[in-house]
Amino acid sequence: ELVRRALSEDLGAGDLSTRLTVPEGTKARGELIAKQNLVVAGLPVAAEVLGVLDPSANWETLAEDGTEVPSGARLASLTGSAAALLSGERVALNFVQHLSGIATQTRRLKAKLAGLKTQLLDTRKTIPGLRALEKYAVRVGGGTNHRLRLDDGILIKNNHLLLAGGIRPAVERARKNRPQGMEIEVEVTSLAELDEAITAGADRVLLDNMTPGEVRECVARAAGSVRLEVSGGVNAANIREYAETGVDYISVGALTHSAPAADVHFLIEPL
């Protein structure tokens, strides 16, 4: 469904340039080639693009999703209708470049946590309609998904607290009505709020926009009574410092909302 919507958006009433210049029935071969070192993600989606446009086309995957490849690596080879390859080129590349960019950025940040217990999480800061694919790319890159949707986790944030009357009433209300076994996580901005969240019975606490020094104090104060997550202000330069405080999780919105697209080329030649 997503591929069909993307093709409809790009094709409109049809690919005029291809229809007016390429003889009908022409067959072609195409290759997806990495133009930088990257972690591959999205090839099955690109294959679906070709399959929608030319069900008889042949797709050969040369580098599985999750593989780290050097610049110049061949990612996939495909043969079929030249019109299908030309008309689907941009949509296929958009998927692969975007998802590979996310996977590559995730792998690079994950590598900075080597030897530490901290897990790297994504967030819900995703492009509307693409969340499932973007979170897939995070997993491919070695990260872990946080909530996929609002219905699969309880995260009580600042605005909830303002409307609920504070940490204790919010947590107590959530504990009474939560689905069986579902954890309650509370966002805090200070040691005092951390204490309140622990006392109220939170299972997990999100330390929002704190410095590494402040996070270290929170880790000492919690002393393992709740699991701790850091979010806000984390980047490649400081993620290791945050992780070395001993927190359980670090969530990074930039994994999905601002990962640079990977450089991938689509070469087509006639058969």
C-alpha atoms as a PDB file:
ATOM      1  CA  GLU A   1       0.000   0.000   0.000  1.00  0.00           C
ATOM      2  CA  LEU A   2       2.799   2.427   0.873  1.00  0.00           C
ATOM      3  CA  VAL A   3       4.689   1.649  -2.334  1.00  0.00           C
ATOM      4  CA  ARG A   4       1.562   2.118  -4.421  1.00  0.00           C
ATOM      5  CA  ARG A   5       0.888   5.492  -2.800  1.00  0.00           C
ATOM      6  CA  ALA A   6       4.475   6.573  -3.425  1.00  0.00           C
ATOM      7  CA  LEU A   7       4.270   5.532  -7.077  1.00  0.00           C
ATOM      8  CA  SER A   8       0.942   7.292  -7.544  1.00  0.00           C
ATOM      9  CA  GLU A   9       2.432  10.452  -6.064  1.00  0.00           C
ATOM     10  CA  ASP A  10       5.404  10.321  -8.453  1.00  0.00           C
ATOM     11  CA  LEU A  11       3.815   9.009 -11.650  1.00  0.00           C
ATOM     12  CA  GLY A  12       0.605  10.987 -11.799  1.00  0.00           C
ATOM     13  CA  ALA A  13      -0.943  10.151 -15.172  1.00  0.00           C
ATOM     14  CA  GLY A  14       2.268   8.447 -16.324  1.00  0.00           C
ATOM     15  CA  ASP A  15       5.975   8.881 -17.036  1.00  0.00           C
ATOM     16  CA  LEU A  16       5.896  11.215 -20.044  1.00  0.00           C
ATOM     17  CA  SER A  17       9.670  11.363 -20.558  1.00  0.00           C
ATOM     18  CA  THR A  18       9.981   7.581 -20.773  1.00  0.00           C
ATOM     19  CA  ARG A  19       6.855   7.088 -22.887  1.00  0.00           C
ATOM     20  CA  LEU A  20       7.960   9.663 -25.442  1.00  0.00           C
ATOM     21  CA  THR A  21      11.596   8.597 -25.760  1.00  0.00           C
ATOM     22  CA  VAL A  22      12.015   4.858 -25.052  1.00  0.00           C
ATOM     23  CA  PRO A  23      10.624   2.365 -27.599  1.00  0.00           C
ATOM     24  CA  GLU A  24       7.813   0.237 -26.190  1.00  0.00           C
ATOM     25  CA  GLY A  25       8.938  -3.245 -25.200  1.00  0.00           C
ATOM     26  CA  THR A  26      12.554  -2.255 -24.513  1.00  0.00           C
ATOM     27  CA  LYS A  27      14.215  -4.408 -21.851  1.00  0.00           C
ATOM     28  CA  ALA A  28      16.874  -3.121 -19.503  1.00  0.00           C
ATOM     29  CA  ARG A  29      19.126  -4.058 -16.624  1.00  0.00           C
ATOM     30  CA  GLY A  30      19.671  -1.888 -13.584  1.00  0.00           C
ATOM     31  CA  GLU A  31      22.002  -1.896 -10.599  1.00  0.00           C
ATOM     32  CA  LEU A  32      21.808  -0.179  -7.241  1.00  0.00           C
ATOM     33  CA  ILE A  33      25.301   0.890  -6.212  1.00  0.00           C
ATOM     34  CA  ALA A  34      26.514   2.438  -2.962  1.00  0.00           C
ATOM     35  CA  LYS A  35      28.423   5.686  -3.434  1.00  0.00           C
ATOM     36  CA  GLN A  36      29.566   5.845   0.200  1.00  0.00           C
ATOM     37  CA  ASN A  37      30.212   3.467   3.084  1.00  0.00           C
ATOM     38  CA  LEU A  38      26.760   2.623   4.441  1.00  0.00           C
ATOM     39  CA  VAL A  39      24.515   0.128   6.210  1.00  0.00           C
ATOM     40  CA  VAL A  40      22.008  -1.247   3.717  1.00  0.00           C
ATOM     41  CA  ALA A  41      18.294  -0.901   4.448  1.00  0.00           C
ATOM     42  CA  GLY A  42      15.182  -0.844   2.288  1.00  0.00           C
ATOM     43  CA  LEU A  43      16.070  -3.204  -0.543  1.00  0.00           C
ATOM     44  CA  PRO A  44      12.889  -5.287  -0.091  1.00  0.00           C
ATOM     45  CA  VAL A  45      10.881  -2.081  -0.471  1.00  0.00           C
ATOM     46  CA  ALA A  46      12.745  -1.163  -3.649  1.00  0.00           C
ATOM     47  CA  ALA A  47      12.093  -4.671  -4.968  1.00  0.00           C
ATOM     48  CA  GLU A  48       8.393  -4.143  -4.274  1.00  0.00           C
ATOM     49  CA  VAL A  49       8.494  -0.930  -6.342  1.00  0.00           C
ATOM     50  CA  LEU A  50       9.799  -2.839  -9.332  1.00  0.00           C
ATOM     51  CA  GLY A  51       7.375  -5.710  -8.731  1.00  0.00           C
ATOM     52  CA  VAL A  52       4.371  -3.374  -8.816  1.00  0.00           C
ATOM     53  CA  LEU A  53       5.467  -1.801 -12.096  1.00  0.00           C
ATOM     54  CA  ASP A  54       6.647  -5.019 -13.758  1.00  0.00           C
ATOM     55  CA  PRO A  55       5.490  -8.266 -12.111  1.00  0.00           C
ATOM     56  CA  SER A  56       7.632 -10.307 -14.541  1.00  0.00           C
ATOM     57  CA  ALA A  57      10.846  -8.450 -13.635  1.00  0.00           C
ATOM     58  CA  ASN A  58      13.764 -10.223 -11.987  1.00  0.00           C
ATOM     59  CA  TRP A  59      15.339  -8.848  -8.799  1.00  0.00           C
ATOM     60  CA  GLU A  60      18.611 -10.155  -7.337  1.00  0.00           C
ATOM     61  CA  THR A  61      19.688  -8.928  -3.912  1.00  0.00           C
ATOM     62  CA  LEU A  62      23.475  -8.625  -3.659  1.00  0.00           C
ATOM     63  CA  ALA A  63      23.752  -7.137  -0.148  1.00  0.00           C
ATOM     64  CA  GLU A  64      21.209  -8.045   2.521  1.00  0.00           C
ATOM     65  CA  ASP A  65      19.644  -5.362   4.683  1.00  0.00           C
ATOM     66  CA  GLY A  66      21.806  -4.777   7.743  1.00  0.00           C
ATOM     67  CA  THR A  67      25.056  -5.379   5.855  1.00  0.00           C
ATOM     68  CA  GLU A  68      27.734  -2.724   6.109  1.00  0.00           C
ATOM     69  CA  VAL A  69      29.196  -2.135   2.648  1.00  0.00           C
ATOM     70  CA  PRO A  70      31.931   0.101   1.201  1.00  0.00           C
ATOM     71  CA  SER A  71      31.512   2.751  -1.439  1.00  0.00           C
ATOM     72  CA  GLY A  72      31.166   1.104  -4.845  1.00  0.00           C
ATOM     73  CA  ALA A  73      29.427  -2.019  -3.563  1.00  0.00           C
ATOM     74  CA  ARG A  74      26.654  -3.441  -5.726  1.00  0.00           C
ATOM     75  CA  LEU A  75      23.469  -3.717  -3.677  1.00  0.00           C
ATOM     76  CA  ALA A  76      21.040  -5.244  -6.160  1.00  0.00           C
ATOM     77  CA  SER A  77      20.705  -6.200  -9.811  1.00  0.00           C
ATOM     78  CA  LEU A  78      17.421  -6.128 -11.672  1.00  0.00           C
ATOM     79  CA  THR A  79      16.160  -6.828 -15.167  1.00  0.00           C
ATOM     80  CA  GLY A  80      12.818  -6.105 -16.731  1.00  0.00           C
ATOM     81  CA  SER A  81      10.871  -3.539 -18.658  1.00  0.00           C
ATOM     82  CA  ALA A  82      12.947  -0.428 -19.303  1.00  0.00           C
ATOM     83  CA  ALA A  83       9.834   1.666 -18.704  1.00  0.00           C
ATOM     84  CA  ALA A  84       9.352   0.071 -15.281  1.00  0.00           C
ATOM     85  CA  LEU A  85      12.975   0.636 -14.273  1.00  0.00           C
ATOM     86  CA  LEU A  86      12.911   4.267 -15.382  1.00  0.00           C
ATOM     87  CA  SER A  87       9.504   5.027 -13.891  1.00  0.00           C
ATOM     88  CA  GLY A  88      10.319   3.404 -10.556  1.00  0.00           C
ATOM     89  CA  GLU A  89      13.891   4.651 -10.248  1.00  0.00           C
ATOM     90  CA  ARG A  90      13.244   7.699  -8.055  1.00  0.00           C
ATOM     91  CA  VAL A  91      10.748   6.020  -5.730  1.00  0.00           C
ATOM     92  CA  ALA A  92      13.031   3.008  -5.232  1.00  0.00           C
ATOM     93  CA  LEU A  93      16.017   5.255  -4.567  1.00  0.00           C
ATOM     94  CA  ASN A  94      14.050   7.454  -2.169  1.00  0.00           C
ATOM     95  CA  PHE A  95      13.212   4.443  -0.020  1.00  0.00           C
ATOM     96  CA  VAL A  96      16.707   2.945  -0.081  1.00  0.00           C
ATOM     97  CA  GLN A  97      18.545   6.225   0.470  1.00  0.00           C
ATOM     98  CA  HIS A  98      16.313   7.298   3.354  1.00  0.00           C
ATOM     99  CA  LEU A  99      16.255   3.951   5.139  1.00  0.00           C
ATOM    100  CA  SER A 100      19.946   3.269   4.590  1.00  0.00           C
ATOM    101  CA  GLY A 101      20.693   6.721   5.983  1.00  0.00           C
ATOM    102  CA  ILE A 102      18.802   5.857   9.173  1.00  0.00           C
ATOM    103  CA  ALA A 103      20.470   2.448   9.469  1.00  0.00           C
ATOM    104  CA  THR A 104      23.901   3.961   8.882  1.00  0.00           C
ATOM    105  CA  GLN A 105      23.455   6.683  11.472  1.00  0.00           C
ATOM    106  CA  THR A 106      22.084   4.170  13.977  1.00  0.00           C
ATOM    107  CA  ARG A 107      25.059   1.839  13.477  1.00  0.00           C
ATOM    108  CA  ARG A 108      27.519   4.690  14.015  1.00  0.00           C
ATOM    109  CA  LEU A 109      25.902   5.776  17.277  1.00  0.00           C
ATOM    110  CA  LYS A 110      25.512   2.181  18.421  1.00  0.00           C
ATOM    111  CA  ALA A 111      29.247   1.637  17.932  1.00  0.00           C
ATOM    112  CA  LYS A 112      29.953   4.396  20.435  1.00  0.00           C
ATOM    113  CA  LEU A 113      28.212   2.340  23.122  1.00  0.00           C
ATOM    114  CA  ALA A 114      30.479  -0.681  22.661  1.00  0.00           C
ATOM    115  CA  GLY A 115      31.210  -2.451  25.936  1.00  0.00           C
ATOM    116  CA  LEU A 116      28.476  -0.620  27.857  1.00  0.00           C
ATOM    117  CA  LYS A 117      25.053  -1.887  28.956  1.00  0.00           C
ATOM    118  CA  THR A 118      23.138   1.113  27.577  1.00  0.00           C
ATOM    119  CA  GLN A 119      20.650   0.392  24.810  1.00  0.00           C
ATOM    120  CA  LEU A 120      20.135   2.839  21.938  1.00  0.00           C
ATOM    121  CA  LEU A 121      16.447   3.659  21.349  1.00  0.00           C
ATOM    122  CA  ASP A 122      14.573   5.562  18.679  1.00  0.00           C
ATOM    123  CA  THR A 123      11.522   7.811  19.225  1.00  0.00           C
ATOM    124  CA  ARG A 124       8.196   8.633  17.571  1.00  0.00           C
ATOM    125  CA  LYS A 125       9.808  11.565  15.731  1.00  0.00           C
ATOM    126  CA  THR A 126       9.207  10.001  12.343  1.00  0.00           C
ATOM    127  CA  ILE A 127       7.867  11.123   8.973  1.00  0.00           C
ATOM    128  CA  PRO A 128       4.081  10.582   9.017  1.00  0.00           C
ATOM    129  CA  GLY A 129       3.218   7.359   7.231  1.00  0.00           C
ATOM    130  CA  LEU A 130       6.785   6.028   7.225  1.00  0.00           C
ATOM    131  CA  ARG A 131       7.171   5.057  10.889  1.00  0.00           C
ATOM    132  CA  ALA A 132       7.090   1.281  10.387  1.00  0.00           C
ATOM    133  CA  LEU A 133       9.827   1.470   7.753  1.00  0.00           C
ATOM    134  CA  GLU A 134      11.938   3.977   9.683  1.00  0.00           C
ATOM    135  CA  LYS A 135      11.799   1.920  12.855  1.00  0.00           C
ATOM    136  CA  TYR A 136      12.681  -1.153  10.791  1.00  0.00           C
ATOM    137  CA  ALA A 137      15.765   0.719   9.558  1.00  0.00           C
ATOM    138  CA  VAL A 138      16.720   1.499  13.173  1.00  0.00           C
ATOM    139  CA  ARG A 139      16.554  -2.220  14.011  1.00  0.00           C
ATOM    140  CA  VAL A 140      18.594  -3.044  10.921  1.00  0.00           C
ATOM    141  CA  GLY A 141      21.219  -0.559  12.114  1.00  0.00           C
ATOM    142  CA  GLY A 142      21.430  -2.212  15.533  1.00  0.00           C
ATOM    143  CA  GLY A 143      19.153   0.068  17.542  1.00  0.00           C
ATOM    144  CA  THR A 144      16.067  -0.829  19.565  1.00  0.00           C
ATOM    145  CA  ASN A 145      12.570   0.479  18.998  1.00  0.00           C
ATOM    146  CA  HIS A 146      10.877   2.515  21.706  1.00  0.00           C
ATOM    147  CA  ARG A 147       7.078   2.780  21.408  1.00  0.00           C
ATOM    148  CA  LEU A 148       5.780   2.088  17.926  1.00  0.00           C
ATOM    149  CA  ARG A 149       2.469   3.765  18.737  1.00  0.00           C
ATOM    150  CA  LEU A 150       0.728   5.449  21.642  1.00  0.00           C
ATOM    151  CA  ASP A 151      -1.123   2.233  22.477  1.00  0.00           C
ATOM    152  CA  ASP A 152       1.904   0.055  23.214  1.00  0.00           C
ATOM    153  CA  GLY A 153       3.486   1.924  26.098  1.00  0.00           C
ATOM    154  CA  ILE A 154       2.737   4.339  28.922  1.00  0.00           C
ATOM    155  CA  LEU A 155       5.027   7.372  28.904  1.00  0.00           C
ATOM    156  CA  ILE A 156       3.798  10.162  31.161  1.00  0.00           C
ATOM    157  CA  LYS A 157       5.386  13.363  29.897  1.00  0.00           C
ATOM    158  CA  ASN A 158       5.398  16.961  31.044  1.00  0.00           C
ATOM    159  CA  ASN A 159       2.081  17.915  29.454  1.00  0.00           C
ATOM    160  CA  HIS A 160       0.389  14.867  30.973  1.00  0.00           C
ATOM    161  CA  LEU A 161       1.713  15.884  34.384  1.00  0.00           C
ATOM    162  CA  LEU A 162       0.408  19.421  34.016  1.00  0.00           C
ATOM    163  CA  LEU A 163      -3.072  18.157  33.188  1.00  0.00           C
ATOM    164  CA  ALA A 164      -3.090  15.309  35.710  1.00  0.00           C
ATOM    165  CA  GLY A 165      -1.982  17.436  38.668  1.00  0.00           C
ATOM    166  CA  GLY A 166       1.555  16.137  39.102  1.00  0.00           C
ATOM    167  CA  ILE A 167       3.626  12.961  39.161  1.00  0.00           C
ATOM    168  CA  ARG A 168       1.944  11.125  42.032  1.00  0.00           C
ATOM    169  CA  PRO A 169      -1.688  11.457  40.853  1.00  0.00           C
ATOM    170  CA  ALA A 170      -0.668  10.662  37.265  1.00  0.00           C
ATOM    171  CA  VAL A 171       1.229   7.516  38.209  1.00  0.00           C
ATOM    172  CA  GLU A 172      -1.402   6.355  40.694  1.00  0.00           C
ATOM    173  CA  ARG A 173      -4.162   6.771  38.115  1.00  0.00           C
ATOM    174  CA  ALA A 174      -2.094   4.934  35.492  1.00  0.00           C
ATOM    175  CA  ARG A 175      -1.317   2.066  37.882  1.00  0.00           C
ATOM    176  CA  LYS A 176      -5.016   1.528  38.576  1.00  0.00           C
ATOM    177  CA  ASN A 177      -6.035   1.375  34.933  1.00  0.00           C
ATOM    178  CA  ARG A 178      -3.032   0.141  32.955  1.00  0.00           C
ATOM    179  CA  PRO A 179      -3.169  -3.022  30.835  1.00  0.00           C
ATOM    180  CA  GLN A 180      -1.835  -5.968  32.803  1.00  0.00           C
ATOM    181  CA  GLY A 181       1.957  -6.089  32.819  1.00  0.00           C
ATOM    182  CA  MET A 182       2.477  -2.768  31.021  1.00  0.00           C
ATOM    183  CA  GLU A 183       5.219  -0.592  32.496  1.00  0.00           C
ATOM    184  CA  ILE A 184       4.772   3.025  33.469  1.00  0.00           C
ATOM    185  CA  GLU A 185       7.491   5.488  32.483  1.00  0.00           C
ATOM    186  CA  VAL A 186       7.591   9.074  33.756  1.00  0.00           C
ATOM    187  CA  GLU A 187       9.518  12.026  32.335  1.00  0.00           C
ATOM    188  CA  VAL A 188      11.381  14.087  34.962  1.00  0.00           C
ATOM    189  CA  THR A 189      13.681  17.099  34.864  1.00  0.00           C
ATOM    190  CA  SER A 190      15.214  17.099  38.369  1.00  0.00           C
ATOM    191  CA  LEU A 191      16.354  14.923  41.262  1.00  0.00           C
ATOM    192  CA  ALA A 192      13.272  15.919  43.247  1.00  0.00           C
ATOM    193  CA  GLU A 193      10.988  14.733  40.454  1.00  0.00           C
ATOM    194  CA  LEU A 194      12.983  11.516  40.184  1.00  0.00           C
ATOM    195  CA  ASP A 195      12.405  10.862  43.878  1.00  0.00           C
ATOM    196  CA  GLU A 196       8.709  11.539  43.436  1.00  0.00           C
ATOM    197  CA  ALA A 197       8.431   9.199  40.456  1.00  0.00           C
ATOM    198  CA  ILE A 198      10.175   6.385  42.333  1.00  0.00           C
ATOM    199  CA  THR A 199       7.986   6.874  45.414  1.00  0.00           C
ATOM    200  CA  ALA A 200       4.843   6.921  43.262  1.00  0.00           C
ATOM    201  CA  GLY A 201       5.744   3.534  41.806  1.00  0.00           C
ATOM    202  CA  ALA A 202       7.024   4.278  38.304  1.00  0.00           C
ATOM    203  CA  ASP A 203       8.768   1.362  36.607  1.00  0.00           C
ATOM    204  CA  ARG A 204      11.007   3.513  34.450  1.00  0.00           C
ATOM    205  CA  VAL A 205      12.052   7.157  34.431  1.00  0.00           C
ATOM    206  CA  LEU A 206      12.972   9.364  31.482  1.00  0.00           C
ATOM    207  CA  LEU A 207      15.623  11.946  32.375  1.00  0.00           C
ATOM    208  CA  ASP A 208      14.823  14.845  30.076  1.00  0.00           C
ATOM    209  CA  ASN A 209      17.466  17.289  28.828  1.00  0.00           C
ATOM    210  CA  MET A 210      19.906  16.720  31.686  1.00  0.00           C
ATOM    211  CA  THR A 211      23.677  17.108  31.566  1.00  0.00           C
ATOM    212  CA  PRO A 212      25.873  14.016  31.981  1.00  0.00           C
ATOM    213  CA  GLY A 213      26.707  15.226  35.492  1.00  0.00           C
ATOM    214  CA  GLU A 214      23.036  15.498  36.415  1.00  0.00           C
ATOM    215  CA  VAL A 215      22.355  12.087  34.929  1.00  0.00           C
ATOM    216  CA  ARG A 216      25.161  10.591  37.001  1.00  0.00           C
ATOM    217  CA  GLU A 217      23.539  11.994  40.140  1.00  0.00           C
ATOM    218  CA  CYS A 218      20.208  10.463  39.151  1.00  0.00           C
ATOM    219  CA  VAL A 219      21.803   7.067  38.574  1.00  0.00           C
ATOM    220  CA  ALA A 220      23.329   7.208  42.051  1.00  0.00           C
ATOM    221  CA  ARG A 221      20.052   8.356  43.608  1.00  0.00           C
ATOM    222  CA  ALA A 222      17.959   5.662  41.890  1.00  0.00           C
ATOM    223  CA  ALA A 223      20.475   2.953  42.873  1.00  0.00           C
ATOM    224  CA  GLY A 224      18.827   0.445  40.542  1.00  0.00           C
ATOM    225  CA  SER A 225      15.299   0.890  41.929  1.00  0.00           C
ATOM    226  CA  VAL A 226      14.016   1.915  38.473  1.00  0.00           C
ATOM    227  CA  ARG A 227      15.415   1.751  34.991  1.00  0.00           C
ATOM    228  CA  LEU A 228      16.603   5.073  33.635  1.00  0.00           C
ATOM    229  CA  GLU A 229      16.421   6.534  30.139  1.00  0.00           C
ATOM    230  CA  VAL A 230      18.161   9.664  28.866  1.00  0.00           C
ATOM    231  CA  SER A 231      16.670  11.856  26.155  1.00  0.00           C
ATOM    232  CA  GLY A 232      17.409  15.322  24.807  1.00  0.00           C
ATOM    233  CA  GLY A 233      20.684  16.884  23.773  1.00  0.00           C
ATOM    234  CA  VAL A 234      22.369  13.584  22.906  1.00  0.00           C
ATOM    235  CA  ASN A 235      24.609  13.469  19.843  1.00  0.00           C
ATOM    236  CA  ALA A 236      27.600  11.579  18.458  1.00  0.00           C
ATOM    237  CA  ALA A 237      30.026  13.710  20.445  1.00  0.00           C
ATOM    238  CA  ASN A 238      28.504  13.083  23.875  1.00  0.00           C
ATOM    239  CA  ILE A 239      26.550   9.817  23.679  1.00  0.00           C
ATOM    240  CA  ARG A 240      29.430   7.813  25.154  1.00  0.00           C
ATOM    241  CA  GLU A 241      29.686  10.198  28.104  1.00  0.00           C
ATOM    242  CA  TYR A 242      25.971   9.828  28.800  1.00  0.00           C
ATOM    243  CA  ALA A 243      26.159   6.038  28.538  1.00  0.00           C
ATOM    244  CA  GLU A 244      29.101   5.877  30.927  1.00  0.00           C
ATOM    245  CA  THR A 245      26.855   7.285  33.678  1.00  0.00           C
ATOM    246  CA  GLY A 246      25.256   3.845  33.879  1.00  0.00           C
ATOM    247  CA  VAL A 247      21.816   4.620  32.409  1.00  0.00           C
ATOM    248  CA  ASP A 248      19.873   1.756  30.875  1.00  0.00           C
ATOM    249  CA  TYR A 249      18.657   3.518  27.735  1.00  0.00           C
ATOM    250  CA  ILE A 250      19.424   6.512  25.547  1.00  0.00           C
ATOM    251  CA  SER A 251      16.732   7.631  23.095  1.00  0.00           C
ATOM    252  CA  VAL A 252      17.759   9.737  20.107  1.00  0.00           C
ATOM    253  CA  GLY A 253      15.148  11.393  17.903  1.00  0.00           C
ATOM    254  CA  ALA A 254      17.792  12.246  15.307  1.00  0.00           C
ATOM    255  CA  LEU A 255      18.017   8.582  14.306  1.00  0.00           C
ATOM    256  CA  THR A 256      14.839   9.076  12.317  1.00  0.00           C
ATOM    257  CA  HIS A 257      13.991  12.771  12.093  1.00  0.00           C
ATOM    258  CA  SER A 258      17.292  14.034  10.709  1.00  0.00           C
ATOM    259  CA  ALA A 259      19.396  11.147   9.422  1.00  0.00           C
ATOM    260  CA  PRO A 260      21.099  12.251   6.178  1.00  0.00           C
ATOM    261  CA  ALA A 261      20.114  10.221   3.138  1.00  0.00           C
ATOM    262  CA  ALA A 262      22.721   7.679   2.079  1.00  0.00           C
ATOM    263  CA  ASP A 263      24.255   8.157  -1.356  1.00  0.00           C
ATOM    264  CA  VAL A 264      23.030   5.350  -3.618  1.00  0.00           C
ATOM    265  CA  HIS A 265      23.133   5.337  -7.424  1.00  0.00           C
ATOM    266  CA  PHE A 266      20.829   3.531  -9.878  1.00  0.00           C
ATOM    267  CA  LEU A 267      22.525   2.663 -13.164  1.00  0.00           C
ATOM    268  CA  ILE A 268      20.386   1.430 -16.081  1.00  0.00           C
ATOM    269  CA  GLU A 269      21.557  -0.006 -19.407  1.00  0.00           C
ATOM    270  CA  PRO A 270      19.709  -1.654 -22.318  1.00  0.00           C
ATOM    271  CA  LEU A 271      19.679  -5.411 -22.698  1.00  0.00           C
END
